[in-house]
């Protein structure tokens, strides 16, 4: 995935680059992300409406806004952001992902600025919305990564992050079960690098930003992924400048 250049882990970029070819296949190696995406988008849309006071029934709440998706993969989030009206830039450390993302966007008639590299690829630029979902657990220097994201956030902007929590449940669910059964490609996660909400909050505060919401992401075989109070598995975080 993507980070500032000093925080990119080469083996992580290679791992996700190998998944590029079937990233858009809902039954392929990124099937879990396809199942997660509607829940993440619902959370993001509510955060956007609350932050900018947009009409929840409107089709383009991000019209006139610049959005940056860091660790964009092949564009599963970047494309919906563009459809919501944003001028979108997506960056990823795996060039293979960027190639697939650009081709898919072109086929969908979407204009998205995709760039291979780390956060330095947008040095000197700022964005109204910065997103980085399920990425920070793949970087070598989470503090430096958050500082890079903060530097890209425009005054009055909004940031959305998500990541697995470092708990016994996440180890069991994401590594023992999901990776063990092939639901997620083996080697995707390193449990020791997961961040608790408290740890991520410290990094956000240290970067001069403020956490405004933490919502848990849960899973059950009966209902699939849902949002709730429990952050034991995974969580989403809304961040602003204080």
Protein backbone atom coordinates (compact mmCIF):
# COMPACT_ATOMS: atom_id res chain seq x y z
CA UNK A 1 0.00 0.00 0.00
CA UNK A 2 1.06 3.64 0.23
CA UNK A 3 2.84 5.83 2.71
CA UNK A 4 5.48 8.48 2.78
CA UNK A 5 8.47 7.10 0.90
CA UNK A 6 10.35 6.33 4.12
CA UNK A 7 7.47 4.22 5.42
CA UNK A 8 6.74 2.07 2.37
CA UNK A 9 7.41 -1.60 3.01
CA UNK A 10 8.61 -3.12 -0.27
CA UNK A 11 7.21 -6.58 0.44
CA UNK A 12 3.82 -5.05 1.22
CA UNK A 13 3.76 -3.16 -2.08
CA UNK A 14 4.76 -6.34 -3.92
CA UNK A 15 2.10 -8.38 -2.10
CA UNK A 16 -0.71 -6.04 -3.08
CA UNK A 17 0.71 -5.56 -6.56
CA UNK A 18 0.33 -9.30 -7.14
CA UNK A 19 -3.38 -8.92 -6.41
CA UNK A 20 -3.87 -6.19 -9.00
CA UNK A 21 -5.16 -8.33 -11.87
CA UNK A 22 -8.28 -9.53 -10.05
CA UNK A 23 -8.79 -6.58 -7.69
CA UNK A 24 -12.14 -5.76 -9.30
CA UNK A 25 -13.38 -9.36 -9.18
CA UNK A 26 -15.88 -9.52 -6.27
CA UNK A 27 -15.01 -13.20 -5.85
CA UNK A 28 -11.24 -12.73 -6.25
CA UNK A 29 -8.45 -12.00 -3.79
CA UNK A 30 -10.06 -8.67 -2.82
CA UNK A 31 -13.50 -10.19 -2.15
CA UNK A 32 -13.37 -9.02 1.47
CA UNK A 33 -12.85 -5.41 0.37
CA UNK A 34 -15.85 -5.66 -1.95
CA UNK A 35 -17.97 -6.77 1.00
CA UNK A 36 -16.56 -3.98 3.18
CA UNK A 37 -16.95 -1.20 0.64
CA UNK A 38 -20.69 -0.44 1.01
CA UNK A 39 -20.33 -0.16 4.81
CA UNK A 40 -17.27 2.08 4.52
CA UNK A 41 -18.96 4.27 1.92
CA UNK A 42 -22.03 4.66 4.11
CA UNK A 43 -19.87 5.83 7.00
CA UNK A 44 -17.91 8.18 4.75
CA UNK A 45 -21.07 9.67 3.23
CA UNK A 46 -22.53 10.41 6.66
CA UNK A 47 -19.26 12.02 7.75
CA UNK A 48 -19.16 14.16 4.61
CA UNK A 49 -22.78 15.30 5.04
CA UNK A 50 -22.18 16.16 8.70
CA UNK A 51 -18.93 17.99 8.00
CA UNK A 52 -20.09 20.13 5.07
CA UNK A 53 -23.81 20.21 5.79
CA UNK A 54 -24.68 18.59 2.46
CA UNK A 55 -28.09 17.12 1.63
CA UNK A 56 -28.06 13.40 2.55
CA UNK A 57 -30.29 12.78 -0.47
CA UNK A 58 -28.00 14.67 -2.87
CA UNK A 59 -26.01 12.87 -5.52
CA UNK A 60 -22.85 15.00 -5.49
CA UNK A 61 -21.98 16.10 -1.95
CA UNK A 62 -18.31 16.36 -2.92
CA UNK A 63 -18.84 18.63 -5.93
CA UNK A 64 -16.10 21.26 -6.01
CA UNK A 65 -13.99 19.32 -3.50
CA UNK A 66 -10.58 17.68 -3.99
CA UNK A 67 -10.25 14.17 -2.57
CA UNK A 68 -7.12 12.10 -1.98
CA UNK A 69 -7.26 8.34 -1.47
CA UNK A 70 -3.97 7.08 -0.05
CA UNK A 71 -3.31 3.39 -0.65
CA UNK A 72 -6.01 3.37 -3.33
CA UNK A 73 -5.32 -0.12 -4.64
CA UNK A 74 -7.17 -0.51 -7.93
CA UNK A 75 -9.70 2.20 -7.14
CA UNK A 76 -12.51 0.57 -5.13
CA UNK A 77 -12.95 3.76 -3.09
CA UNK A 78 -11.58 6.33 -5.55
CA UNK A 79 -14.28 5.62 -8.14
CA UNK A 80 -17.22 6.13 -5.75
CA UNK A 81 -15.60 9.36 -4.54
CA UNK A 82 -15.49 10.57 -8.14
CA UNK A 83 -19.15 9.64 -8.59
CA UNK A 84 -19.95 11.72 -5.51
CA UNK A 85 -18.59 14.72 -7.38
CA UNK A 86 -15.01 14.99 -6.12
CA UNK A 87 -11.92 15.68 -8.16
CA UNK A 88 -10.02 12.56 -7.07
CA UNK A 89 -6.34 11.74 -6.79
CA UNK A 90 -5.38 8.19 -5.88
CA UNK A 91 -1.88 7.08 -4.91
CA UNK A 92 -0.52 3.61 -4.27
CA UNK A 93 2.93 2.13 -3.78
CA UNK A 94 2.28 -0.72 -6.24
CA UNK A 95 2.52 0.44 -9.88
CA UNK A 96 0.52 -2.65 -10.92
CA UNK A 97 -2.44 -1.38 -8.91
CA UNK A 98 -2.23 2.06 -10.49
CA UNK A 99 -2.24 0.56 -13.99
CA UNK A 100 -5.36 -1.49 -13.24
CA UNK A 101 -7.03 1.46 -11.49
CA UNK A 102 -6.42 3.82 -14.41
CA UNK A 103 -7.70 1.31 -16.96
CA UNK A 104 -10.82 0.56 -14.95
CA UNK A 105 -11.62 4.25 -14.43
CA UNK A 106 -11.18 4.95 -18.13
CA UNK A 107 -13.54 2.10 -18.96
CA UNK A 108 -16.09 3.56 -16.56
CA UNK A 109 -15.76 7.04 -18.05
CA UNK A 110 -14.26 8.50 -14.87
CA UNK A 111 -11.39 11.00 -14.76
CA UNK A 112 -9.18 10.13 -11.78
CA UNK A 113 -5.60 11.27 -11.26
CA UNK A 114 -3.76 8.07 -10.33
CA UNK A 115 -0.11 8.20 -9.28
CA UNK A 116 2.30 5.45 -8.27
CA UNK A 117 4.35 6.19 -5.17
CA UNK A 118 4.00 7.45 -1.63
CA UNK A 119 2.52 10.55 -0.09
CA UNK A 120 5.41 12.56 -1.56
CA UNK A 121 3.62 12.15 -4.91
CA UNK A 122 1.30 14.95 -3.78
CA UNK A 123 3.91 17.08 -2.02
CA UNK A 124 2.78 20.71 -1.79
CA UNK A 125 -0.83 19.85 -2.61
CA UNK A 126 -3.76 19.87 -0.20
CA UNK A 127 -7.13 18.17 -0.36
CA UNK A 128 -10.53 18.77 1.20
CA UNK A 129 -11.01 15.06 1.87
CA UNK A 130 -8.22 12.60 2.67
CA UNK A 131 -9.01 8.90 2.99
CA UNK A 132 -6.79 5.95 3.81
CA UNK A 133 -8.68 2.74 4.56
CA UNK A 134 -7.01 -0.46 5.76
CA UNK A 135 -3.56 0.97 4.95
CA UNK A 136 -1.76 2.20 8.06
CA UNK A 137 -1.25 -1.36 9.32
CA UNK A 138 0.93 -1.98 6.26
CA UNK A 139 3.44 0.87 6.71
CA UNK A 140 6.77 0.82 8.52
CA UNK A 141 6.37 4.19 10.26
CA UNK A 142 2.75 4.86 11.26
CA UNK A 143 3.61 8.19 12.93
CA UNK A 144 5.36 9.45 9.80
CA UNK A 145 2.48 8.19 7.70
CA UNK A 146 -0.09 10.12 9.74
CA UNK A 147 2.07 13.26 9.55
CA UNK A 148 2.13 12.86 5.78
CA UNK A 149 -1.64 12.56 5.64
CA UNK A 150 -2.01 15.61 7.89
CA UNK A 151 0.22 17.61 5.58
CA UNK A 152 -2.09 16.82 2.67
CA UNK A 153 -5.25 17.90 4.50
CA UNK A 154 -6.50 21.37 3.62
CA UNK A 155 -7.71 23.79 6.29
CA UNK A 156 -11.29 22.88 7.10
CA UNK A 157 -10.80 19.47 5.58
CA UNK A 158 -11.99 16.02 6.60
CA UNK A 159 -9.99 12.80 7.01
CA UNK A 160 -11.31 9.24 7.26
CA UNK A 161 -9.09 6.34 8.35
CA UNK A 162 -9.83 2.69 9.04
CA UNK A 163 -7.68 -0.15 10.34
CA UNK A 164 -7.92 -3.41 12.29
CA UNK A 165 -7.57 -3.25 16.06
CA UNK A 166 -4.81 -5.27 17.75
CA UNK A 167 -6.93 -7.65 19.80
CA UNK A 168 -7.29 -11.43 20.22
CA UNK A 169 -10.45 -11.22 18.09
CA UNK A 170 -8.68 -9.59 15.14
CA UNK A 171 -5.90 -12.19 15.29
CA UNK A 172 -8.45 -15.01 15.27
CA UNK A 173 -10.75 -13.52 12.63
CA UNK A 174 -8.33 -11.93 10.18
CA UNK A 175 -5.29 -14.19 10.40
CA UNK A 176 -6.21 -17.58 11.84
CA UNK A 177 -9.57 -17.86 10.08
CA UNK A 178 -9.61 -15.46 7.09
CA UNK A 179 -6.02 -16.03 5.96
CA UNK A 180 -6.06 -19.63 7.10
CA UNK A 181 -9.05 -20.45 4.88
CA UNK A 182 -7.96 -18.29 1.94
CA UNK A 183 -10.73 -15.71 2.37
CA UNK A 184 -7.88 -13.18 2.53
CA UNK A 185 -4.57 -13.93 0.77
CA UNK A 186 -2.08 -15.44 3.18
CA UNK A 187 0.51 -12.94 4.41
CA UNK A 188 -1.76 -9.91 4.03
CA UNK A 189 -1.63 -9.00 7.71
CA UNK A 190 0.96 -8.73 10.46
CA UNK A 191 -1.03 -8.64 13.71
CA UNK A 192 1.83 -7.00 15.61
CA UNK A 193 1.45 -3.92 13.37
CA UNK A 194 -2.25 -3.41 14.05
CA UNK A 195 -3.04 -0.22 15.99
CA UNK A 196 -5.51 0.22 18.80
CA UNK A 197 -7.86 3.24 18.62
CA UNK A 198 -5.96 4.76 21.53
CA UNK A 199 -2.61 4.38 19.74
CA UNK A 200 -3.93 5.86 16.51
CA UNK A 201 -5.53 8.75 18.41
CA UNK A 202 -2.14 9.63 19.89
CA UNK A 203 -0.61 9.70 16.39
CA UNK A 204 -3.44 11.88 15.10
CA UNK A 205 -3.13 14.32 18.00
CA UNK A 206 0.65 14.47 17.54
CA UNK A 207 0.13 15.43 13.89
CA UNK A 208 -1.96 18.45 14.94
CA UNK A 209 -5.34 16.91 14.13
CA UNK A 210 -8.33 15.91 16.24
CA UNK A 211 -10.36 12.69 16.33
CA UNK A 212 -14.09 13.45 16.14
CA UNK A 213 -15.54 9.93 15.91
CA UNK A 214 -14.50 6.30 16.29
CA UNK A 215 -16.97 3.65 15.10
CA UNK A 216 -16.43 -0.07 15.22
CA UNK A 217 -16.72 -2.42 12.27
CA UNK A 218 -18.04 -5.84 13.21
CA UNK A 219 -18.79 -9.07 11.35
CA UNK A 220 -21.15 -11.95 11.81
CA UNK A 221 -21.92 -14.84 9.43
CA UNK A 222 -25.61 -13.96 9.61
CA UNK A 223 -25.51 -10.22 8.92
CA UNK A 224 -22.06 -9.70 7.39
CA UNK A 225 -20.23 -6.43 8.10
CA UNK A 226 -22.01 -3.83 10.20
CA UNK A 227 -21.09 -0.66 12.08
CA UNK A 228 -21.39 -0.57 15.84
CA UNK A 229 -19.85 0.34 19.17
CA UNK A 230 -17.39 -2.55 19.36
CA UNK A 231 -13.96 -1.76 17.94
CA UNK A 232 -12.56 -5.20 18.81
CA UNK A 233 -12.21 -6.24 15.16
CA UNK A 234 -11.80 -3.08 13.09
CA UNK A 235 -12.78 0.57 13.28
CA UNK A 236 -13.27 3.75 11.28
CA UNK A 237 -12.13 7.16 12.46
CA UNK A 238 -13.29 10.65 11.50
CA UNK A 239 -10.58 13.30 11.89
CA UNK A 240 -10.51 17.10 11.52
CA UNK A 241 -8.24 19.97 12.29
CA UNK A 242 -8.99 21.31 15.79
